[in-house]
C-alpha atoms as a PDB file:
ATOM      1  CA  MET A   1     -41.044  27.837 -11.393  1.00  0.00           C
ATOM      2  CA  LYS A   2     -39.455  25.203  -9.081  1.00  0.00           C
ATOM      3  CA  SER A   3     -40.184  23.359  -5.855  1.00  0.00           C
ATOM      4  CA  VAL A   4     -36.735  23.328  -4.254  1.00  0.00           C
ATOM      5  CA  TYR A   5     -34.952  25.756  -2.112  1.00  0.00           C
ATOM      6  CA  THR A   6     -32.294  28.156  -3.074  1.00  0.00           C
ATOM      7  CA  TYR A   7     -29.708  28.738  -0.264  1.00  0.00           C
ATOM      8  CA  SER A   8     -31.143  32.231   0.305  1.00  0.00           C
ATOM      9  CA  SER A   9     -34.807  30.771   0.942  1.00  0.00           C
ATOM     10  CA  LEU A  10     -33.365  28.085   3.005  1.00  0.00           C
ATOM     11  CA  ALA A  11     -31.586  30.565   5.208  1.00  0.00           C
ATOM     12  CA  PHE A  12     -34.761  32.450   5.646  1.00  0.00           C
ATOM     13  CA  LEU A  13     -36.653  29.228   6.817  1.00  0.00           C
ATOM     14  CA  LEU A  14     -33.748  27.942   9.110  1.00  0.00           C
ATOM     15  CA  GLY A  15     -33.878  31.385  10.911  1.00  0.00           C
ATOM     16  CA  PHE A  16     -37.547  30.992  11.458  1.00  0.00           C
ATOM     17  CA  ILE A  17     -37.364  27.426  12.590  1.00  0.00           C
ATOM     18  CA  LEU A  18     -34.586  28.017  15.125  1.00  0.00           C
ATOM     19  CA  LEU A  19     -36.505  30.921  16.597  1.00  0.00           C
ATOM     20  CA  ASN A  20     -39.532  28.735  17.215  1.00  0.00           C
ATOM     21  CA  CYS A  21     -37.768  25.520  18.084  1.00  0.00           C
ATOM     22  CA  ASP A  22     -39.190  25.559  21.654  1.00  0.00           C
ATOM     23  CA  SER A  23     -42.843  26.153  20.353  1.00  0.00           C
ATOM     24  CA  THR A  24     -45.419  23.744  21.807  1.00  0.00           C
ATOM     25  CA  VAL A  25     -47.755  24.435  18.977  1.00  0.00           C
ATOM     26  CA  SER A  26     -49.241  21.201  17.371  1.00  0.00           C
ATOM     27  CA  PRO A  27     -47.783  20.131  14.009  1.00  0.00           C
ATOM     28  CA  ASP A  28     -49.336  21.352  10.780  1.00  0.00           C
ATOM     29  CA  ASP A  29     -52.409  19.613   9.496  1.00  0.00           C
ATOM     30  CA  LYS A  30     -51.110  17.595   6.582  1.00  0.00           C
ATOM     31  CA  LEU A  31     -54.481  18.067   4.762  1.00  0.00           C
ATOM     32  CA  ILE A  32     -53.860  21.968   4.698  1.00  0.00           C
ATOM     33  CA  ASP A  33     -52.589  23.176   1.335  1.00  0.00           C
ATOM     34  CA  ASN A  34     -49.008  24.459   1.392  1.00  0.00           C
ATOM     35  CA  PRO A  35     -48.157  27.899   0.226  1.00  0.00           C
ATOM     36  CA  PHE A  36     -47.857  28.298  -3.426  1.00  0.00           C
ATOM     37  CA  VAL A  37     -46.415  31.024  -5.610  1.00  0.00           C
ATOM     38  CA  LYS A  38     -48.402  30.835  -8.791  1.00  0.00           C
ATOM     39  CA  GLU A  39     -47.195  33.855 -10.727  1.00  0.00           C
ATOM     40  CA  VAL A  40     -44.756  36.686 -10.664  1.00  0.00           C
ATOM     41  CA  THR A  41     -44.790  39.836 -12.884  1.00  0.00           C
ATOM     42  CA  LEU A  42     -42.226  42.728 -12.892  1.00  0.00           C
ATOM     43  CA  SER A  43     -42.993  46.274 -14.032  1.00  0.00           C
ATOM     44  CA  PRO A  44     -40.959  47.133 -15.885  1.00  0.00           C
ATOM     45  CA  GLU A  45     -39.346  43.906 -17.049  1.00  0.00           C
ATOM     46  CA  ALA A  46     -36.439  45.632 -18.767  1.00  0.00           C
ATOM     47  CA  ILE A  47     -34.958  48.950 -18.750  1.00  0.00           C
ATOM     48  CA  THR A  48     -32.970  50.616 -21.532  1.00  0.00           C
ATOM     49  CA  PHE A  49     -31.008  53.866 -21.039  1.00  0.00           C
ATOM     50  CA  ILE A  50     -30.231  56.110 -23.923  1.00  0.00           C
ATOM     51  CA  PRO A  51     -27.830  59.071 -24.145  1.00  0.00           C
ATOM     52  CA  ALA A  52     -30.549  61.512 -23.651  1.00  0.00           C
ATOM     53  CA  ASP A  53     -30.698  60.123 -19.988  1.00  0.00           C
ATOM     54  CA  GLY A  54     -27.283  61.511 -19.407  1.00  0.00           C
ATOM     55  CA  PHE A  55     -24.269  59.934 -17.810  1.00  0.00           C
ATOM     56  CA  LYS A  56     -25.244  59.475 -14.134  1.00  0.00           C
ATOM     57  CA  ASP A  57     -26.064  57.305 -11.181  1.00  0.00           C
ATOM     58  CA  THR A  58     -29.799  56.575 -10.776  1.00  0.00           C
ATOM     59  CA  THR A  59     -32.268  54.605  -8.558  1.00  0.00           C
ATOM     60  CA  LEU A  60     -34.320  52.078 -10.163  1.00  0.00           C
ATOM     61  CA  THR A  61     -37.862  51.178  -8.676  1.00  0.00           C
ATOM     62  CA  ILE A  62     -39.368  47.749  -9.851  1.00  0.00           C
ATOM     63  CA  LEU A  63     -42.952  46.869  -8.971  1.00  0.00           C
ATOM     64  CA  VAL A  64     -43.098  43.183  -8.073  1.00  0.00           C
ATOM     65  CA  GLU A  65     -46.652  41.638  -8.136  1.00  0.00           C
ATOM     66  CA  ALA A  66     -47.319  37.859  -7.181  1.00  0.00           C
ATOM     67  CA  THR A  67     -50.202  35.706  -7.017  1.00  0.00           C
ATOM     68  CA  ILE A  68     -49.577  33.478  -3.917  1.00  0.00           C
ATOM     69  CA  GLU A  69     -52.118  30.917  -2.443  1.00  0.00           C
ATOM     70  CA  ASN A  70     -52.432  29.462   1.005  1.00  0.00           C
ATOM     71  CA  VAL A  71     -50.159  32.126   2.820  1.00  0.00           C
ATOM     72  CA  SER A  72     -49.962  31.875   6.704  1.00  0.00           C
ATOM     73  CA  SER A  73     -49.880  35.284   8.567  1.00  0.00           C
ATOM     74  CA  ASP A  74     -46.784  34.019  10.584  1.00  0.00           C
ATOM     75  CA  THR A  75     -44.670  33.268   7.361  1.00  0.00           C
ATOM     76  CA  PRO A  76     -45.192  36.138   5.044  1.00  0.00           C
ATOM     77  CA  PRO A  77     -43.813  35.659   1.444  1.00  0.00           C
ATOM     78  CA  GLY A  78     -40.559  37.215   0.662  1.00  0.00           C
ATOM     79  CA  TYR A  79     -38.204  38.184  -2.182  1.00  0.00           C
ATOM     80  CA  ILE A  80     -34.481  38.408  -2.886  1.00  0.00           C
ATOM     81  CA  VAL A  81     -32.614  40.005  -5.733  1.00  0.00           C
ATOM     82  CA  ARG A  82     -29.223  38.915  -7.017  1.00  0.00           C
ATOM     83  CA  GLU A  83     -26.860  39.660  -9.778  1.00  0.00           C
ATOM     84  CA  LYS A  84     -27.541  36.824 -12.180  1.00  0.00           C
ATOM     85  CA  TYR A  85     -24.014  35.811 -13.097  1.00  0.00           C
ATOM     86  CA  THR A  86     -22.072  36.595  -9.933  1.00  0.00           C
ATOM     87  CA  SER A  87     -24.917  35.982  -7.403  1.00  0.00           C
ATOM     88  CA  GLU A  88     -24.085  39.139  -5.644  1.00  0.00           C
ATOM     89  CA  PHE A  89     -26.696  40.031  -3.088  1.00  0.00           C
ATOM     90  CA  ILE A  90     -28.659  43.261  -4.038  1.00  0.00           C
ATOM     91  CA  ALA A  91     -31.744  43.347  -1.864  1.00  0.00           C
ATOM     92  CA  SER A  92     -34.370  41.434   0.016  1.00  0.00           C
ATOM     93  CA  GLY A  93     -37.722  41.953   1.943  1.00  0.00           C
ATOM     94  CA  GLU A  94     -41.254  40.935   2.226  1.00  0.00           C
ATOM     95  CA  LEU A  95     -44.284  41.111  -0.101  1.00  0.00           C
ATOM     96  CA  ILE A  96     -47.523  42.757   1.251  1.00  0.00           C
ATOM     97  CA  ASN A  97     -50.990  41.368   0.822  1.00  0.00           C
ATOM     98  CA  PHE A  98     -53.255  43.456  -1.205  1.00  0.00           C
ATOM     99  CA  GLU A  99     -57.002  43.874  -0.305  1.00  0.00           C
ATOM    100  CA  ASN A 100     -57.040  40.377   1.465  1.00  0.00           C
ATOM    101  CA  THR A 101     -56.795  38.534  -1.834  1.00  0.00           C
ATOM    102  CA  THR A 102     -54.052  36.184  -3.160  1.00  0.00           C
ATOM    103  CA  ASN A 103     -52.320  39.163  -4.674  1.00  0.00           C
ATOM    104  CA  TYR A 104     -48.968  40.401  -3.152  1.00  0.00           C
ATOM    105  CA  ARG A 105     -46.862  43.275  -4.179  1.00  0.00           C
ATOM    106  CA  THR A 106     -43.744  45.396  -3.242  1.00  0.00           C
ATOM    107  CA  ASN A 107     -41.596  48.036  -4.852  1.00  0.00           C
ATOM    108  CA  ILE A 108     -37.857  47.171  -4.955  1.00  0.00           C
ATOM    109  CA  SER A 109     -35.417  50.032  -5.314  1.00  0.00           C
ATOM    110  CA  PHE A 110     -31.674  49.841  -5.971  1.00  0.00           C
ATOM    111  CA  ARG A 111     -28.900  51.989  -7.281  1.00  0.00           C
ATOM    112  CA  THR A 112     -27.296  51.678 -10.790  1.00  0.00           C
ATOM    113  CA  THR A 113     -25.902  53.848 -13.648  1.00  0.00           C
ATOM    114  CA  THR A 114     -27.199  54.808 -16.980  1.00  0.00           C
ATOM    115  CA  THR A 115     -24.082  53.055 -18.484  1.00  0.00           C
ATOM    116  CA  SER A 116     -24.625  49.771 -16.717  1.00  0.00           C
ATOM    117  CA  PHE A 117     -25.396  46.574 -18.580  1.00  0.00           C
ATOM    118  CA  ASN A 118     -26.700  43.891 -16.160  1.00  0.00           C
ATOM    119  CA  GLU A 119     -29.112  41.202 -15.553  1.00  0.00           C
ATOM    120  CA  TYR A 120     -30.812  40.565 -12.080  1.00  0.00           C
ATOM    121  CA  LEU A 121     -32.457  37.476 -10.787  1.00  0.00           C
ATOM    122  CA  ILE A 122     -35.660  38.423  -8.667  1.00  0.00           C
ATOM    123  CA  GLU A 123     -36.907  35.388  -6.681  1.00  0.00           C
ATOM    124  CA  VAL A 124     -40.308  35.324  -4.894  1.00  0.00           C
ATOM    125  CA  PHE A 125     -40.728  32.577  -2.359  1.00  0.00           C
ATOM    126  CA  ALA A 126     -43.410  31.376   0.193  1.00  0.00           C
ATOM    127  CA  TYR A 127     -42.940  28.682   2.697  1.00  0.00           C
ATOM    128  CA  ASN A 128     -44.854  27.605   5.844  1.00  0.00           C
ATOM    129  CA  ARG A 129     -42.993  27.007   9.185  1.00  0.00           C
ATOM    130  CA  THR A 130     -42.372  23.376   8.387  1.00  0.00           C
ATOM    131  CA  GLY A 131     -40.494  24.349   5.155  1.00  0.00           C
ATOM    132  CA  ASN A 132     -43.228  23.475   2.648  1.00  0.00           C
ATOM    133  CA  GLY A 133     -43.856  25.861  -0.206  1.00  0.00           C
ATOM    134  CA  ASN A 134     -42.114  26.944  -3.396  1.00  0.00           C
ATOM    135  CA  TYR A 135     -40.464  29.870  -5.320  1.00  0.00           C
ATOM    136  CA  PHE A 136     -40.571  31.667  -8.594  1.00  0.00           C
ATOM    137  CA  GLN A 137     -37.954  33.440 -10.420  1.00  0.00           C
ATOM    138  CA  ARG A 138     -37.994  36.420 -13.012  1.00  0.00           C
ATOM    139  CA  PHE A 139     -35.174  38.292 -14.726  1.00  0.00           C
ATOM    140  CA  LEU A 140     -34.727  41.985 -14.974  1.00  0.00           C
ATOM    141  CA  LEU A 141     -32.558  43.244 -17.742  1.00  0.00           C
ATOM    142  CA  ILE A 142     -30.823  46.508 -17.736  1.00  0.00           C
ATOM    143  CA  GLU A 143     -29.193  47.881 -20.893  1.00  0.00           C
ATOM    144  CA  GLY A 144     -27.182  51.079 -20.598  1.00  0.00           C
ATOM    145  CA  PHE A 145     -25.241  52.982 -23.254  1.00  0.00           C
ATOM    146  CA  SER A 146     -21.517  53.427 -23.745  1.00  0.00           C
ATOM    147  CA  ASN A 147     -19.977  56.848 -23.057  1.00  0.00           C
ATOM    148  CA  ASN A 148     -16.398  55.476 -23.479  1.00  0.00           C
ATOM    149  CA  ARG A 149     -14.684  52.941 -25.735  1.00  0.00           C
ATOM    150  CA  PRO A 150     -12.697  50.115 -24.161  1.00  0.00           C
ATOM    151  CA  VAL A 151      -9.088  50.598 -23.958  1.00  0.00           C
ATOM    152  CA  ILE A 152      -6.242  47.884 -24.342  1.00  0.00           C
ATOM    153  CA  ILE A 153      -3.945  48.822 -21.621  1.00  0.00           C
ATOM    154  CA  GLU A 154      -1.103  46.386 -22.147  1.00  0.00           C
ATOM    155  CA  THR A 155      -0.437  43.340 -24.261  1.00  0.00           C
ATOM    156  CA  SER A 156       2.109  40.596 -24.363  1.00  0.00           C
ATOM    157  CA  SER A 157       3.250  38.008 -27.029  1.00  0.00           C
ATOM    158  CA  PRO A 158       6.126  35.557 -27.317  1.00  0.00           C
ATOM    159  CA  GLY A 159       7.926  37.331 -30.040  1.00  0.00           C
ATOM    160  CA  THR A 160       9.782  34.390 -31.368  1.00  0.00           C
ATOM    161  CA  ILE A 161       9.272  30.649 -30.530  1.00  0.00           C
ATOM    162  CA  VAL A 162      11.501  27.719 -31.882  1.00  0.00           C
ATOM    163  CA  ARG A 163       9.741  24.717 -32.929  1.00  0.00           C
ATOM    164  CA  PRO A 164      10.276  21.873 -30.455  1.00  0.00           C
ATOM    165  CA  THR A 165      11.684  18.532 -31.696  1.00  0.00           C
ATOM    166  CA  SER A 166       8.700  16.743 -30.236  1.00  0.00           C
ATOM    167  CA  GLY A 167       5.472  17.682 -28.277  1.00  0.00           C
ATOM    168  CA  GLU A 168       4.357  21.360 -28.505  1.00  0.00           C
ATOM    169  CA  ILE A 169       5.144  24.712 -26.928  1.00  0.00           C
ATOM    170  CA  PRO A 170       2.297  27.069 -26.170  1.00  0.00           C
ATOM    171  CA  ALA A 171       2.532  30.645 -27.588  1.00  0.00           C
ATOM    172  CA  ILE A 172       0.640  32.674 -25.001  1.00  0.00           C
ATOM    173  CA  PHE A 173      -0.827  36.134 -25.960  1.00  0.00           C
ATOM    174  CA  THR A 174      -2.554  38.257 -23.331  1.00  0.00           C
ATOM    175  CA  ALA A 175      -4.322  41.664 -23.421  1.00  0.00           C
ATOM    176  CA  GLU A 176      -5.238  43.730 -20.394  1.00  0.00           C
ATOM    177  CA  VAL A 177      -8.313  45.732 -21.095  1.00  0.00           C
ATOM    178  CA  SER A 178     -10.447  48.371 -19.295  1.00  0.00           C
ATOM    179  CA  ASP A 179     -13.406  50.554 -19.828  1.00  0.00           C
ATOM    180  CA  ALA A 180     -14.219  53.967 -18.029  1.00  0.00           C
ATOM    181  CA  ASP A 181     -17.896  52.962 -18.069  1.00  0.00           C
ATOM    182  CA  GLY A 182     -16.920  50.087 -15.964  1.00  0.00           C
ATOM    183  CA  ASP A 183     -14.868  46.873 -16.674  1.00  0.00           C
ATOM    184  CA  ASN A 184     -17.897  44.763 -16.613  1.00  0.00           C
ATOM    185  CA  THR A 185     -19.225  46.487 -19.761  1.00  0.00           C
ATOM    186  CA  ILE A 186     -16.507  44.734 -21.806  1.00  0.00           C
ATOM    187  CA  SER A 187     -18.223  42.219 -24.051  1.00  0.00           C
ATOM    188  CA  ARG A 188     -15.375  40.454 -26.062  1.00  0.00           C
ATOM    189  CA  VAL A 189     -11.762  40.774 -26.737  1.00  0.00           C
ATOM    190  CA  PHE A 190     -10.318  39.652 -29.926  1.00  0.00           C
ATOM    191  CA  LEU A 191      -6.927  38.587 -31.401  1.00  0.00           C
ATOM    192  CA  ARG A 192      -6.267  38.622 -35.146  1.00  0.00           C
ATOM    193  CA  VAL A 193      -3.621  36.464 -36.683  1.00  0.00           C
ATOM    194  CA  ILE A 194      -2.404  37.381 -40.122  1.00  0.00           C
ATOM    195  CA  ASP A 195       0.249  35.135 -41.891  1.00  0.00           C
ATOM    196  CA  GLN A 196       2.459  37.527 -43.551  1.00  0.00           C
ATOM    197  CA  THR A 197       2.729  35.250 -46.630  1.00  0.00           C
ATOM    198  CA  SER A 198      -0.721  33.860 -46.911  1.00  0.00           C
ATOM    199  CA  GLY A 199      -3.026  36.314 -45.145  1.00  0.00           C
ATOM    200  CA  GLU A 200      -5.430  36.038 -42.147  1.00  0.00           C
ATOM    201  CA  VAL A 201      -5.660  32.617 -40.843  1.00  0.00           C
ATOM    202  CA  THR A 202      -8.849  30.432 -40.591  1.00  0.00           C
ATOM    203  CA  GLY A 203     -11.002  31.303 -37.661  1.00  0.00           C
ATOM    204  CA  SER A 204      -9.312  34.655 -37.055  1.00  0.00           C
ATOM    205  CA  PRO A 205     -10.261  36.902 -35.268  1.00  0.00           C
ATOM    206  CA  PHE A 206     -10.212  34.626 -32.094  1.00  0.00           C
ATOM    207  CA  ASP A 207     -12.158  35.294 -28.962  1.00  0.00           C
ATOM    208  CA  MET A 208      -9.717  35.533 -26.097  1.00  0.00           C
ATOM    209  CA  ALA A 209     -10.617  34.113 -22.649  1.00  0.00           C
ATOM    210  CA  ASP A 210     -10.846  35.507 -19.116  1.00  0.00           C
ATOM    211  CA  ASP A 211     -12.280  32.517 -17.394  1.00  0.00           C
ATOM    212  CA  GLY A 212      -9.289  31.183 -15.658  1.00  0.00           C
ATOM    213  CA  ALA A 213      -9.602  27.825 -17.228  1.00  0.00           C
ATOM    214  CA  SER A 214      -9.362  27.929 -21.107  1.00  0.00           C
ATOM    215  CA  LEU A 215      -6.872  29.023 -23.670  1.00  0.00           C
ATOM    216  CA  GLY A 216      -4.123  29.365 -21.135  1.00  0.00           C
ATOM    217  CA  ASP A 217      -5.943  31.944 -19.140  1.00  0.00           C
ATOM    218  CA  GLN A 218      -4.675  32.002 -15.396  1.00  0.00           C
ATOM    219  CA  VAL A 219      -7.140  34.019 -13.377  1.00  0.00           C
ATOM    220  CA  ALA A 220     -10.825  34.422 -14.079  1.00  0.00           C
ATOM    221  CA  ASN A 221     -12.366  37.934 -14.336  1.00  0.00           C
ATOM    222  CA  ASP A 222      -9.205  39.951 -13.931  1.00  0.00           C
ATOM    223  CA  PHE A 223      -9.722  41.555 -17.256  1.00  0.00           C
ATOM    224  CA  ILE A 224      -6.421  40.186 -18.495  1.00  0.00           C
ATOM    225  CA  TYR A 225      -7.545  38.034 -21.558  1.00  0.00           C
ATOM    226  CA  THR A 226      -5.546  35.150 -22.966  1.00  0.00           C
ATOM    227  CA  TRP A 227      -5.295  33.187 -26.150  1.00  0.00           C
ATOM    228  CA  SER A 228      -2.903  30.276 -26.730  1.00  0.00           C
ATOM    229  CA  LEU A 229      -1.442  28.799 -29.846  1.00  0.00           C
ATOM    230  CA  PRO A 230       0.237  25.259 -29.766  1.00  0.00           C
ATOM    231  CA  VAL A 231       3.578  25.322 -31.715  1.00  0.00           C
ATOM    232  CA  THR A 232       4.473  21.866 -32.813  1.00  0.00           C
ATOM    233  CA  GLN A 233       7.232  20.288 -35.166  1.00  0.00           C
ATOM    234  CA  THR A 234       5.865  19.972 -38.538  1.00  0.00           C
ATOM    235  CA  SER A 235       6.948  18.649 -42.111  1.00  0.00           C
ATOM    236  CA  GLY A 236       5.580  21.721 -43.686  1.00  0.00           C
ATOM    237  CA  ILE A 237       6.853  25.347 -43.576  1.00  0.00           C
ATOM    238  CA  GLN A 238       9.186  25.752 -40.630  1.00  0.00           C
ATOM    239  CA  ASP A 239       9.529  29.346 -40.476  1.00  0.00           C
ATOM    240  CA  ARG A 240       6.471  31.472 -40.264  1.00  0.00           C
ATOM    241  CA  ASP A 241       5.915  35.275 -39.658  1.00  0.00           C
ATOM    242  CA  PHE A 242       2.550  36.692 -38.417  1.00  0.00           C
ATOM    243  CA  ASP A 243       1.154  40.196 -37.691  1.00  0.00           C
ATOM    244  CA  ILE A 244      -0.935  40.131 -34.555  1.00  0.00           C
ATOM    245  CA  GLU A 245      -3.756  42.539 -33.626  1.00  0.00           C
ATOM    246  CA  PHE A 246      -5.620  43.023 -30.369  1.00  0.00           C
ATOM    247  CA  PHE A 247      -8.940  44.660 -30.177  1.00  0.00           C
ATOM    248  CA  ALA A 248     -11.977  44.725 -27.776  1.00  0.00           C
ATOM    249  CA  LEU A 249     -15.704  45.338 -28.064  1.00  0.00           C
ATOM    250  CA  ASP A 250     -17.961  46.705 -25.200  1.00  0.00           C
ATOM    251  CA  GLN A 251     -21.658  45.927 -24.519  1.00  0.00           C
ATOM    252  CA  GLY A 252     -22.616  49.236 -25.979  1.00  0.00           C
ATOM    253  CA  GLY A 253     -21.063  48.224 -29.420  1.00  0.00           C
ATOM    254  CA  LEU A 254     -18.064  50.425 -29.253  1.00  0.00           C
ATOM    255  CA  TYR A 255     -14.636  49.075 -30.216  1.00  0.00           C
ATOM    256  CA  SER A 256     -11.230  49.994 -28.829  1.00  0.00           C
ATOM    257  CA  ASP A 257      -8.246  50.986 -30.862  1.00  0.00           C
ATOM    258  CA  THR A 258      -6.252  48.115 -32.356  1.00  0.00           C
ATOM    259  CA  VAL A 259      -2.959  47.165 -30.868  1.00  0.00           C
ATOM    260  CA  ARG A 260      -0.501  45.563 -33.347  1.00  0.00           C
ATOM    261  CA  THR A 261       2.602  43.489 -32.960  1.00  0.00           C
ATOM    262  CA  THR A 262       4.361  40.631 -34.647  1.00  0.00           C
ATOM    263  CA  PHE A 263       5.003  37.005 -33.843  1.00  0.00           C
ATOM    264  CA  GLN A 264       7.601  34.592 -35.479  1.00  0.00           C
ATOM    265  CA  ILE A 265       7.916  30.757 -35.494  1.00  0.00           C
ATOM    266  CA  ARG A 266      11.277  29.348 -36.492  1.00  0.00           C
ATOM    267  CA  GLY A 267      12.442  25.806 -37.075  1.00  0.00           C
ATOM    268  CA  ASN A 268      14.712  24.026 -34.761  1.00  0.00           C
END
């Protein structure tokens, strides 16, 4: 529970204030208690689909119940639903008072699929016309099931890199991955590095990145995953030969086929 605005709550308040900027009503009595969202519950709090549910689109209905004190009739409490990680807007509306008590409730319905894996942020807020109040957040977890394994569409690797005389040269590996259940169901993409002389290297298999920032990845969330190995001059073995394996895992626990290639480092 927090006592600051999210931008969605602030937008709601700004709209209300602009509509009433010419009002001649006296300022609020500072001794009057402000609205206060005390508790919020979701029913259900989590949804798990199983193969018996079938592969289909479906509508979820979530009951939201809240205990809210000091609510004014001219500024009813509201809610907003967003996707947790992308902040994508899903739904919004008002909560309705139940039997003239501090209990408020509403049903939220939105579309999903039985193969979806997602987490939603549900925020209930209550403010008066001067902007005083608070909000309360809950998370709704949806766990689908996998109908299809992820697929490695295309990979790239440098083939052969000659060691530099100084500094380093990045060896960049990429894998484009897709999943018929939705690309957002891809959980992790791995790269295994096996030295043909000494075996699998320490730390392998490595997680590849799709954040547009690390391991040489260029674009975030384009489902082209990247891993980078710095190749430097060395006083040890100059020439090394590796087997490279790419594979992916989805949120339902299914693995893709393994795509194999080779990679060589040669002395200068």
